[in-house]
PDB file of all heavy atoms in Angstrom:
ATOM      1  N   ASN A   1      92.186  89.705 117.184  1.00  0.00           N
ATOM      2  CA  ASN A   1      91.911  89.647 115.741  1.00  0.00           C
ATOM      3  C   ASN A   1      91.003  88.489 115.348  1.00  0.00           C
ATOM      4  O   ASN A   1      90.795  88.221 114.168  1.00  0.00           O
ATOM      5  CB  ASN A   1      93.213  89.590 114.932  1.00  0.00           C
ATOM      6  CG  ASN A   1      94.002  88.317 115.182  1.00  0.00           C
ATOM      7  OD1 ASN A   1      93.563  87.407 115.887  1.00  0.00           O
ATOM      8  ND2 ASN A   1      95.186  88.237 114.599  1.00  0.00           N
ATOM      9  N   ALA A   2      90.432  87.817 116.356  1.00  0.00           N
ATOM     10  CA  ALA A   2      89.552  86.674 116.067  1.00  0.00           C
ATOM     11  C   ALA A   2      88.334  87.089 115.259  1.00  0.00           C
ATOM     12  O   ALA A   2      87.894  86.372 114.341  1.00  0.00           O
ATOM     13  CB  ALA A   2      89.111  86.013 117.380  1.00  0.00           C
ATOM     14  N   ASN A   3      87.792  88.263 115.546  1.00  0.00           N
ATOM     15  CA  ASN A   3      86.590  88.716 114.829  1.00  0.00           C
ATOM     16  C   ASN A   3      86.896  89.189 113.406  1.00  0.00           C
ATOM     17  O   ASN A   3      85.971  89.510 112.658  1.00  0.00           O
ATOM     18  CB  ASN A   3      85.921  89.859 115.604  1.00  0.00           C
ATOM     19  CG  ASN A   3      85.286  89.368 116.904  1.00  0.00           C
ATOM     20  OD1 ASN A   3      84.909  88.197 117.023  1.00  0.00           O
ATOM     21  ND2 ASN A   3      85.180  90.251 117.882  1.00  0.00           N
ATOM     22  N   ASP A   4      88.170  89.215 113.056  1.00  0.00           N
ATOM     23  CA  ASP A   4      88.557  89.660 111.710  1.00  0.00           C
ATOM     24  C   ASP A   4      88.619  88.522 110.702  1.00  0.00           C
ATOM     25  O   ASP A   4      88.890  88.758 109.518  1.00  0.00           O
ATOM     26  CB  ASP A   4      89.934  90.332 111.758  1.00  0.00           C
ATOM     27  CG  ASP A   4      89.905  91.719 112.384  1.00  0.00           C
ATOM     28  OD1 ASP A   4      88.940  92.018 113.101  1.00  0.00           O
ATOM     29  OD2 ASP A   4      90.846  92.492 112.159  1.00  0.00           O
ATOM     30  N   HIS A   5      88.391  87.288 111.151  1.00  0.00           N
ATOM     31  CA  HIS A   5      88.677  86.158 110.272  1.00  0.00           C
ATOM     32  C   HIS A   5      87.838  86.166 108.991  1.00  0.00           C
ATOM     33  O   HIS A   5      88.320  85.760 107.926  1.00  0.00           O
ATOM     34  CB  HIS A   5      88.508  84.841 111.034  1.00  0.00           C
ATOM     35  CG  HIS A   5      87.098  84.430 111.297  1.00  0.00           C
ATOM     36  ND1 HIS A   5      86.363  83.713 110.373  1.00  0.00           N
ATOM     37  CD2 HIS A   5      86.282  84.628 112.375  1.00  0.00           C
ATOM     38  CE1 HIS A   5      85.167  83.477 110.876  1.00  0.00           C
ATOM     39  NE2 HIS A   5      85.080  84.027 112.083  1.00  0.00           N
ATOM     40  N   GLU A   6      86.594  86.619 109.070  1.00  0.00           N
ATOM     41  CA  GLU A   6      85.770  86.633 107.855  1.00  0.00           C
ATOM     42  C   GLU A   6      86.325  87.608 106.833  1.00  0.00           C
ATOM     43  O   GLU A   6      86.420  87.299 105.639  1.00  0.00           O
ATOM     44  CB  GLU A   6      84.326  86.973 108.208  1.00  0.00           C
ATOM     45  CG  GLU A   6      83.628  85.901 109.040  1.00  0.00           C
ATOM     46  CD  GLU A   6      82.158  86.206 109.245  1.00  0.00           C
ATOM     47  OE1 GLU A   6      81.670  87.207 108.672  1.00  0.00           O
ATOM     48  OE2 GLU A   6      81.493  85.432 109.979  1.00  0.00           O
ATOM     49  N   LYS A   7      86.699  88.797 107.294  1.00  0.00           N
ATOM     50  CA  LYS A   7      87.239  89.807 106.369  1.00  0.00           C
ATOM     51  C   LYS A   7      88.592  89.376 105.805  1.00  0.00           C
ATOM     52  O   LYS A   7      88.916  89.664 104.650  1.00  0.00           O
ATOM     53  CB  LYS A   7      87.346  91.158 107.075  1.00  0.00           C
ATOM     54  CG  LYS A   7      85.983  91.775 107.419  1.00  0.00           C
ATOM     55  CD  LYS A   7      86.130  93.159 107.998  1.00  0.00           C
ATOM     56  CE  LYS A   7      84.770  93.774 108.334  1.00  0.00           C
ATOM     57  NZ  LYS A   7      83.909  93.930 107.129  1.00  0.00           N
ATOM     58  N   ILE A   8      89.393  88.675 106.618  1.00  0.00           N
ATOM     59  CA  ILE A   8      90.679  88.173 106.121  1.00  0.00           C
ATOM     60  C   ILE A   8      90.450  87.142 105.023  1.00  0.00           C
ATOM     61  O   ILE A   8      91.107  87.150 103.972  1.00  0.00           O
ATOM     62  CB  ILE A   8      91.504  87.570 107.283  1.00  0.00           C
ATOM     63  CG1 ILE A   8      91.975  88.692 108.218  1.00  0.00           C
ATOM     64  CG2 ILE A   8      92.696  86.775 106.751  1.00  0.00           C
ATOM     65  CD1 ILE A   8      92.672  88.203 109.474  1.00  0.00           C
ATOM     66  N   ALA A   9      89.490  86.258 105.241  1.00  0.00           N
ATOM     67  CA  ALA A   9      89.183  85.230 104.242  1.00  0.00           C
ATOM     68  C   ALA A   9      88.662  85.865 102.952  1.00  0.00           C
ATOM     69  O   ALA A   9      89.048  85.469 101.845  1.00  0.00           O
ATOM     70  CB  ALA A   9      88.163  84.230 104.795  1.00  0.00           C
ATOM     71  N   VAL A  10      87.775  86.833 103.075  1.00  0.00           N
ATOM     72  CA  VAL A  10      87.224  87.499 101.896  1.00  0.00           C
ATOM     73  C   VAL A  10      88.330  88.240 101.133  1.00  0.00           C
ATOM     74  O   VAL A  10      88.399  88.192  99.900  1.00  0.00           O
ATOM     75  CB  VAL A  10      86.092  88.464 102.288  1.00  0.00           C
ATOM     76  CG1 VAL A  10      85.682  89.328 101.103  1.00  0.00           C
ATOM     77  CG2 VAL A  10      84.896  87.689 102.819  1.00  0.00           C
ATOM     78  N   SER A  11      89.226  88.905 101.877  1.00  0.00           N
ATOM     79  CA  SER A  11      90.348  89.585 101.229  1.00  0.00           C
ATOM     80  C   SER A  11      91.230  88.593 100.495  1.00  0.00           C
ATOM     81  O   SER A  11      91.696  88.864  99.378  1.00  0.00           O
ATOM     82  CB  SER A  11      91.182  90.353 102.269  1.00  0.00           C
ATOM     83  OG  SER A  11      90.472  91.446 102.798  1.00  0.00           O
ATOM     84  N   ALA A  12      91.467  87.444 101.109  1.00  0.00           N
ATOM     85  CA  ALA A  12      92.285  86.414 100.467  1.00  0.00           C
ATOM     86  C   ALA A  12      91.673  85.976  99.146  1.00  0.00           C
ATOM     87  O   ALA A  12      92.366  85.819  98.129  1.00  0.00           O
ATOM     88  CB  ALA A  12      92.448  85.214 101.403  1.00  0.00           C
ATOM     89  N   ARG A  13      90.361  85.787  99.125  1.00  0.00           N
ATOM     90  CA  ARG A  13      89.677  85.364  97.902  1.00  0.00           C
ATOM     91  C   ARG A  13      89.766  86.447  96.828  1.00  0.00           C
ATOM     92  O   ARG A  13      90.059  86.175  95.666  1.00  0.00           O
ATOM     93  CB  ARG A  13      88.217  85.036  98.217  1.00  0.00           C
ATOM     94  CG  ARG A  13      87.431  84.512  97.019  1.00  0.00           C
ATOM     95  CD  ARG A  13      85.971  84.331  97.380  1.00  0.00           C
ATOM     96  NE  ARG A  13      85.355  85.603  97.756  1.00  0.00           N
ATOM     97  CZ  ARG A  13      84.141  85.718  98.296  1.00  0.00           C
ATOM     98  NH1 ARG A  13      83.422  84.627  98.524  1.00  0.00           N
ATOM     99  NH2 ARG A  13      83.656  86.899  98.605  1.00  0.00           N
ATOM    100  N   GLU A  14      89.526  87.688  97.235  1.00  0.00           N
ATOM    101  CA  GLU A  14      89.515  88.784  96.278  1.00  0.00           C
ATOM    102  C   GLU A  14      90.905  89.106  95.717  1.00  0.00           C
ATOM    103  O   GLU A  14      91.036  89.572  94.593  1.00  0.00           O
ATOM    104  CB  GLU A  14      88.913  90.033  96.912  1.00  0.00           C
ATOM    105  CG  GLU A  14      87.428  89.874  97.255  1.00  0.00           C
ATOM    106  CD  GLU A  14      86.879  91.080  97.996  1.00  0.00           C
ATOM    107  OE1 GLU A  14      87.694  91.916  98.452  1.00  0.00           O
ATOM    108  OE2 GLU A  14      85.637  91.180  98.135  1.00  0.00           O
ATOM    109  N   LEU A  15      91.938  88.843  96.514  1.00  0.00           N
ATOM    110  CA  LEU A  15      93.304  89.211  96.122  1.00  0.00           C
ATOM    111  C   LEU A  15      94.092  88.052  95.515  1.00  0.00           C
ATOM    112  O   LEU A  15      95.287  88.168  95.293  1.00  0.00           O
ATOM    113  CB  LEU A  15      94.044  89.782  97.337  1.00  0.00           C
ATOM    114  CG  LEU A  15      93.465  91.074  97.906  1.00  0.00           C
ATOM    115  CD1 LEU A  15      94.123  91.437  99.229  1.00  0.00           C
ATOM    116  CD2 LEU A  15      93.621  92.212  96.898  1.00  0.00           C
ATOM    117  N   GLY A  16      93.405  86.945  95.272  1.00  0.00           N
ATOM    118  CA  GLY A  16      94.066  85.827  94.610  1.00  0.00           C
ATOM    119  C   GLY A  16      95.046  85.069  95.476  1.00  0.00           C
ATOM    120  O   GLY A  16      96.011  84.493  94.960  1.00  0.00           O
ATOM    121  N   VAL A  17      94.812  85.064  96.780  1.00  0.00           N
ATOM    122  CA  VAL A  17      95.713  84.390  97.708  1.00  0.00           C
ATOM    123  C   VAL A  17      95.474  82.881  97.659  1.00  0.00           C
ATOM    124  O   VAL A  17      94.333  82.421  97.656  1.00  0.00           O
ATOM    125  CB  VAL A  17      95.498  84.924  99.140  1.00  0.00           C
ATOM    126  CG1 VAL A  17      96.246  84.106 100.165  1.00  0.00           C
ATOM    127  CG2 VAL A  17      95.945  86.392  99.193  1.00  0.00           C
ATOM    128  N   SER A  18      96.555  82.120  97.633  1.00  0.00           N
ATOM    129  CA  SER A  18      96.443  80.667  97.506  1.00  0.00           C
ATOM    130  C   SER A  18      95.913  80.031  98.779  1.00  0.00           C
ATOM    131  O   SER A  18      95.072  79.129  98.721  1.00  0.00           O
ATOM    132  CB  SER A  18      97.819  80.067  97.168  1.00  0.00           C
ATOM    133  OG  SER A  18      97.747  78.661  97.111  1.00  0.00           O
ATOM    134  N   ALA A  19      96.382  80.482  99.947  1.00  0.00           N
ATOM    135  CA  ALA A  19      95.937  79.888 101.217  1.00  0.00           C
ATOM    136  C   ALA A  19      96.168  80.869 102.350  1.00  0.00           C
ATOM    137  O   ALA A  19      97.078  81.712 102.295  1.00  0.00           O
ATOM    138  CB  ALA A  19      96.683  78.581 101.490  1.00  0.00           C
ATOM    139  N   VAL A  20      95.345  80.761 103.371  1.00  0.00           N
ATOM    140  CA  VAL A  20      95.543  81.492 104.624  1.00  0.00           C
ATOM    141  C   VAL A  20      96.102  80.501 105.637  1.00  0.00           C
ATOM    142  O   VAL A  20      95.459  79.495 105.950  1.00  0.00           O
ATOM    143  CB  VAL A  20      94.232  82.110 105.138  1.00  0.00           C
ATOM    144  CG1 VAL A  20      94.475  82.815 106.481  1.00  0.00           C
ATOM    145  CG2 VAL A  20      93.643  83.071 104.116  1.00  0.00           C
ATOM    146  N   ILE A  21      97.293  80.773 106.110  1.00  0.00           N
ATOM    147  CA  ILE A  21      97.927  79.902 107.097  1.00  0.00           C
ATOM    148  C   ILE A  21      97.509  80.382 108.478  1.00  0.00           C
ATOM    149  O   ILE A  21      97.831  81.501 108.883  1.00  0.00           O
ATOM    150  CB  ILE A  21      99.450  79.922 106.939  1.00  0.00           C
ATOM    151  CG1 ILE A  21      99.824  79.461 105.529  1.00  0.00           C
ATOM    152  CG2 ILE A  21     100.119  79.023 107.987  1.00  0.00           C
ATOM    153  CD1 ILE A  21     101.293  79.630 105.196  1.00  0.00           C
ATOM    154  N   VAL A  22      96.769  79.530 109.183  1.00  0.00           N
ATOM    155  CA  VAL A  22      96.236  79.897 110.491  1.00  0.00           C
ATOM    156  C   VAL A  22      97.174  79.384 111.581  1.00  0.00           C
ATOM    157  O   VAL A  22      97.344  78.179 111.762  1.00  0.00           O
ATOM    158  CB  VAL A  22      94.817  79.313 110.695  1.00  0.00           C
ATOM    159  CG1 VAL A  22      94.265  79.739 112.054  1.00  0.00           C
ATOM    160  CG2 VAL A  22      93.898  79.753 109.566  1.00  0.00           C
ATOM    161  N   ASN A  23      97.798  80.308 112.293  1.00  0.00           N
ATOM    162  CA  ASN A  23      98.693  79.967 113.397  1.00  0.00           C
ATOM    163  C   ASN A  23      98.075  80.356 114.723  1.00  0.00           C
ATOM    164  O   ASN A  23      97.244  81.279 114.783  1.00  0.00           O
ATOM    165  CB  ASN A  23     100.032  80.690 113.244  1.00  0.00           C
ATOM    166  CG  ASN A  23     100.808  80.246 112.034  1.00  0.00           C
ATOM    167  OD1 ASN A  23     101.145  79.079 111.906  1.00  0.00           O
ATOM    168  ND2 ASN A  23     101.071  81.175 111.117  1.00  0.00           N
ATOM    169  N   LYS A  24      98.486  79.684 115.770  1.00  0.00           N
ATOM    170  CA  LYS A  24      98.017  80.020 117.106  1.00  0.00           C
ATOM    171  C   LYS A  24      99.031  80.962 117.751  1.00  0.00           C
ATOM    172  O   LYS A  24     100.180  80.588 117.959  1.00  0.00           O
ATOM    173  CB  LYS A  24      97.850  78.742 117.944  1.00  0.00           C
ATOM    174  CG  LYS A  24      96.777  77.809 117.387  1.00  0.00           C
ATOM    175  CD  LYS A  24      96.599  76.562 118.235  1.00  0.00           C
ATOM    176  CE  LYS A  24      97.782  75.648 118.177  1.00  0.00           C
ATOM    177  NZ  LYS A  24      97.523  74.336 118.828  1.00  0.00           N
ATOM    178  N   TYR A  25      98.591  82.170 118.027  1.00  0.00           N
ATOM    179  CA  TYR A  25      99.481  83.153 118.639  1.00  0.00           C
ATOM    180  C   TYR A  25      99.952  82.681 120.005  1.00  0.00           C
ATOM    181  O   TYR A  25      99.204  82.116 120.786  1.00  0.00           O
ATOM    182  CB  TYR A  25      98.764  84.495 118.786  1.00  0.00           C
ATOM    183  CG  TYR A  25      99.519  85.502 119.636  1.00  0.00           C
ATOM    184  CD1 TYR A  25     100.507  86.311 119.083  1.00  0.00           C
ATOM    185  CD2 TYR A  25      99.249  85.624 121.002  1.00  0.00           C
ATOM    186  CE1 TYR A  25     101.209  87.217 119.863  1.00  0.00           C
ATOM    187  CE2 TYR A  25      99.950  86.536 121.793  1.00  0.00           C
ATOM    188  CZ  TYR A  25     100.932  87.323 121.218  1.00  0.00           C
ATOM    189  OH  TYR A  25     101.620  88.210 121.995  1.00  0.00           O
ATOM    190  N   TYR A  26     101.234  82.932 120.281  1.00  0.00           N
ATOM    191  CA  TYR A  26     101.757  82.707 121.633  1.00  0.00           C
ATOM    192  C   TYR A  26     102.497  83.962 122.053  1.00  0.00           C
ATOM    193  O   TYR A  26     102.989  84.733 121.237  1.00  0.00           O
ATOM    194  CB  TYR A  26     102.667  81.479 121.683  1.00  0.00           C
ATOM    195  CG  TYR A  26     103.849  81.524 120.753  1.00  0.00           C
ATOM    196  CD1 TYR A  26     105.059  82.095 121.139  1.00  0.00           C
ATOM    197  CD2 TYR A  26     103.766  80.974 119.480  1.00  0.00           C
ATOM    198  CE1 TYR A  26     106.127  82.132 120.280  1.00  0.00           C
ATOM    199  CE2 TYR A  26     104.849  81.006 118.614  1.00  0.00           C
ATOM    200  CZ  TYR A  26     106.031  81.592 119.022  1.00  0.00           C
ATOM    201  OH  TYR A  26     107.104  81.624 118.170  1.00  0.00           O
ATOM    202  N   GLY A  27     102.598  84.148 123.337  1.00  0.00           N
ATOM    203  CA  GLY A  27     103.146  85.388 123.875  1.00  0.00           C
ATOM    204  C   GLY A  27     104.653  85.493 123.741  1.00  0.00           C
ATOM    205  O   GLY A  27     105.343  84.564 123.381  1.00  0.00           O
ATOM    206  N   GLY A  28     105.152  86.682 124.059  1.00  0.00           N
ATOM    207  CA  GLY A  28     106.587  86.944 124.011  1.00  0.00           C
ATOM    208  C   GLY A  28     106.863  88.355 124.451  1.00  0.00           C
ATOM    209  O   GLY A  28     105.972  89.052 124.947  1.00  0.00           O
TER     210      GLY A  28
END
């Protein structure tokens, strides 16, 4: 999902999101 970051950020702006919390995925 690394290549999705621009679209996620744009969606956040358009949908009135306060912040995008960026976490580092780990396996399980």
